[in-house]
């Protein structure tokens, strides 16, 4: 299944990553039928936010409640690797991938233009593979 992202949502994710740098940022993408509807910024409360992320539980629960109220489902989880050019899931990312049905987006800020990559991560199998996504303008959405 290809995830369809509104370009405005990609912009919001990049902005969040830039604002959080040099720390990692994290958030959720809610949607319906593989189409993004909203992004939800979460505070990173990890002990070492330079190299990992942990969503603030109260932010996570509030975002999930809002998605339920709006009839959205959790499409994806995003976070950043502020120093990566071409980000891939770290061993910690794989170990803590608790939502197997979600796509995991990682933003790399290591070069002038941010990069965005998508993955399906299996915490149980300790593996990941790239996932397909498309960025669409509002006019094409």
Protein backbone atom coordinates (compact mmCIF):
# COMPACT_ATOMS: atom_id res chain seq x y z
CA UNK A 1 0.00 0.00 0.00
CA UNK A 2 1.36 3.40 -1.02
CA UNK A 3 0.93 6.17 1.56
CA UNK A 4 -0.21 9.46 0.03
CA UNK A 5 1.07 12.55 1.81
CA UNK A 6 -0.08 16.10 1.27
CA UNK A 7 2.90 18.31 0.51
CA UNK A 8 1.71 20.64 3.30
CA UNK A 9 2.10 17.77 5.79
CA UNK A 10 5.63 17.07 4.55
CA UNK A 11 6.38 20.76 5.07
CA UNK A 12 5.06 20.57 8.64
CA UNK A 13 7.25 17.52 9.35
CA UNK A 14 10.36 19.23 7.92
CA UNK A 15 9.61 22.36 9.96
CA UNK A 16 9.25 20.27 13.14
CA UNK A 17 12.56 18.49 12.43
CA UNK A 18 14.39 21.78 11.83
CA UNK A 19 12.95 23.38 14.98
CA UNK A 20 13.93 20.38 17.13
CA UNK A 21 17.48 20.05 15.74
CA UNK A 22 20.02 19.13 16.98
CA UNK A 23 17.57 16.87 18.89
CA UNK A 24 15.41 14.28 17.16
CA UNK A 25 11.76 15.21 16.72
CA UNK A 26 8.82 12.81 16.69
CA UNK A 27 5.18 12.82 15.70
CA UNK A 28 2.27 10.97 14.15
CA UNK A 29 0.48 11.14 10.83
CA UNK A 30 -3.23 10.44 10.93
CA UNK A 31 -5.37 9.71 7.92
CA UNK A 32 -7.92 7.61 6.14
CA UNK A 33 -7.49 5.08 3.34
CA UNK A 34 -3.70 5.61 3.15
CA UNK A 35 -4.09 9.39 2.75
CA UNK A 36 -2.65 11.82 5.27
CA UNK A 37 -5.20 14.06 6.96
CA UNK A 38 -3.15 15.63 9.77
CA UNK A 39 0.21 15.62 11.50
CA UNK A 40 0.54 15.54 15.27
CA UNK A 41 3.71 16.90 16.86
CA UNK A 42 4.83 15.02 19.95
CA UNK A 43 7.42 16.16 22.47
CA UNK A 44 10.58 14.06 22.56
CA UNK A 45 11.22 13.17 26.21
CA UNK A 46 14.07 10.69 25.56
CA UNK A 47 16.94 10.73 28.02
CA UNK A 48 19.32 11.35 25.09
CA UNK A 49 17.25 13.29 22.49
CA UNK A 50 20.36 13.77 20.32
CA UNK A 51 20.32 10.12 19.28
CA UNK A 52 16.85 8.73 20.02
CA UNK A 53 13.23 9.68 20.49
CA UNK A 54 10.52 8.82 22.97
CA UNK A 55 7.13 10.46 22.62
CA UNK A 56 5.72 12.13 25.71
CA UNK A 57 2.96 9.71 26.80
CA UNK A 58 0.41 12.48 27.37
CA UNK A 59 1.05 13.87 23.86
CA UNK A 60 0.75 10.40 22.34
CA UNK A 61 -2.54 9.67 24.10
CA UNK A 62 -3.97 13.10 23.21
CA UNK A 63 -3.05 12.66 19.52
CA UNK A 64 -4.57 9.17 19.42
CA UNK A 65 -7.75 10.44 21.09
CA UNK A 66 -8.03 13.29 18.56
CA UNK A 67 -7.53 10.85 15.67
CA UNK A 68 -10.30 8.60 17.02
CA UNK A 69 -12.66 11.58 17.42
CA UNK A 70 -11.96 12.65 13.82
CA UNK A 71 -12.33 9.13 12.41
CA UNK A 72 -8.66 8.91 11.44
CA UNK A 73 -6.34 5.98 11.83
CA UNK A 74 -2.63 5.99 12.61
CA UNK A 75 -0.95 5.91 9.20
CA UNK A 76 2.60 6.69 10.18
CA UNK A 77 5.06 7.69 12.83
CA UNK A 78 7.78 10.17 11.97
CA UNK A 79 11.02 11.19 13.59
CA UNK A 80 14.25 12.82 12.54
CA UNK A 81 17.90 11.90 12.27
CA UNK A 82 19.34 15.44 12.37
CA UNK A 83 22.81 14.50 11.13
CA UNK A 84 21.84 11.91 8.46
CA UNK A 85 21.86 12.57 4.71
CA UNK A 86 20.07 9.36 3.75
CA UNK A 87 18.37 8.13 6.95
CA UNK A 88 17.65 4.50 7.71
CA UNK A 89 16.23 2.94 10.88
CA UNK A 90 18.75 2.56 13.69
CA UNK A 91 18.91 -0.57 15.82
CA UNK A 92 17.02 1.38 18.50
CA UNK A 93 14.35 2.42 15.97
CA UNK A 94 13.81 -1.25 15.09
CA UNK A 95 13.80 -2.42 18.71
CA UNK A 96 11.19 0.20 19.66
CA UNK A 97 8.90 -0.14 16.60
CA UNK A 98 5.77 -1.03 18.56
CA UNK A 99 3.25 -0.23 15.80
CA UNK A 100 3.74 -2.87 13.06
CA UNK A 101 0.89 -1.57 10.89
CA UNK A 102 2.30 1.97 10.78
CA UNK A 103 4.81 3.26 8.27
CA UNK A 104 7.84 4.90 9.85
CA UNK A 105 9.07 8.11 8.20
CA UNK A 106 12.55 9.38 8.98
CA UNK A 107 13.70 12.90 8.12
CA UNK A 108 17.39 13.42 7.43
CA UNK A 109 18.75 16.92 7.95
CA UNK A 110 22.41 16.17 7.15
CA UNK A 111 22.44 18.05 3.85
CA UNK A 112 21.10 21.39 2.65
CA UNK A 113 17.78 19.90 1.55
CA UNK A 114 16.04 17.59 4.05
CA UNK A 115 15.37 14.05 2.92
CA UNK A 116 12.36 11.91 3.78
CA UNK A 117 12.38 8.13 3.68
CA UNK A 118 9.68 5.63 4.61
CA UNK A 119 10.00 2.16 6.13
CA UNK A 120 8.02 -0.78 7.34
CA UNK A 121 9.69 -2.00 10.51
CA UNK A 122 9.18 -5.35 12.19
CA UNK A 123 10.22 -5.12 15.83
CA UNK A 124 9.47 -8.82 16.27
CA UNK A 125 11.69 -9.87 13.35
CA UNK A 126 14.27 -7.16 13.98
CA UNK A 127 14.14 -6.02 10.36
CA UNK A 128 12.99 -3.21 8.10
CA UNK A 129 12.27 -2.56 4.43
CA UNK A 130 11.56 0.59 2.48
CA UNK A 131 7.93 1.61 2.06
CA UNK A 132 6.35 3.43 -0.84
CA UNK A 133 4.87 6.90 -0.55
CA UNK A 134 3.90 9.77 -2.82
CA UNK A 135 3.79 13.47 -2.06
CA UNK A 136 0.86 15.21 -3.67
CA UNK A 137 -0.05 18.88 -3.91
CA UNK A 138 -3.39 19.93 -2.48
CA UNK A 139 -4.75 20.30 -6.02
CA UNK A 140 -3.96 16.63 -6.75
CA UNK A 141 -5.01 15.28 -3.39
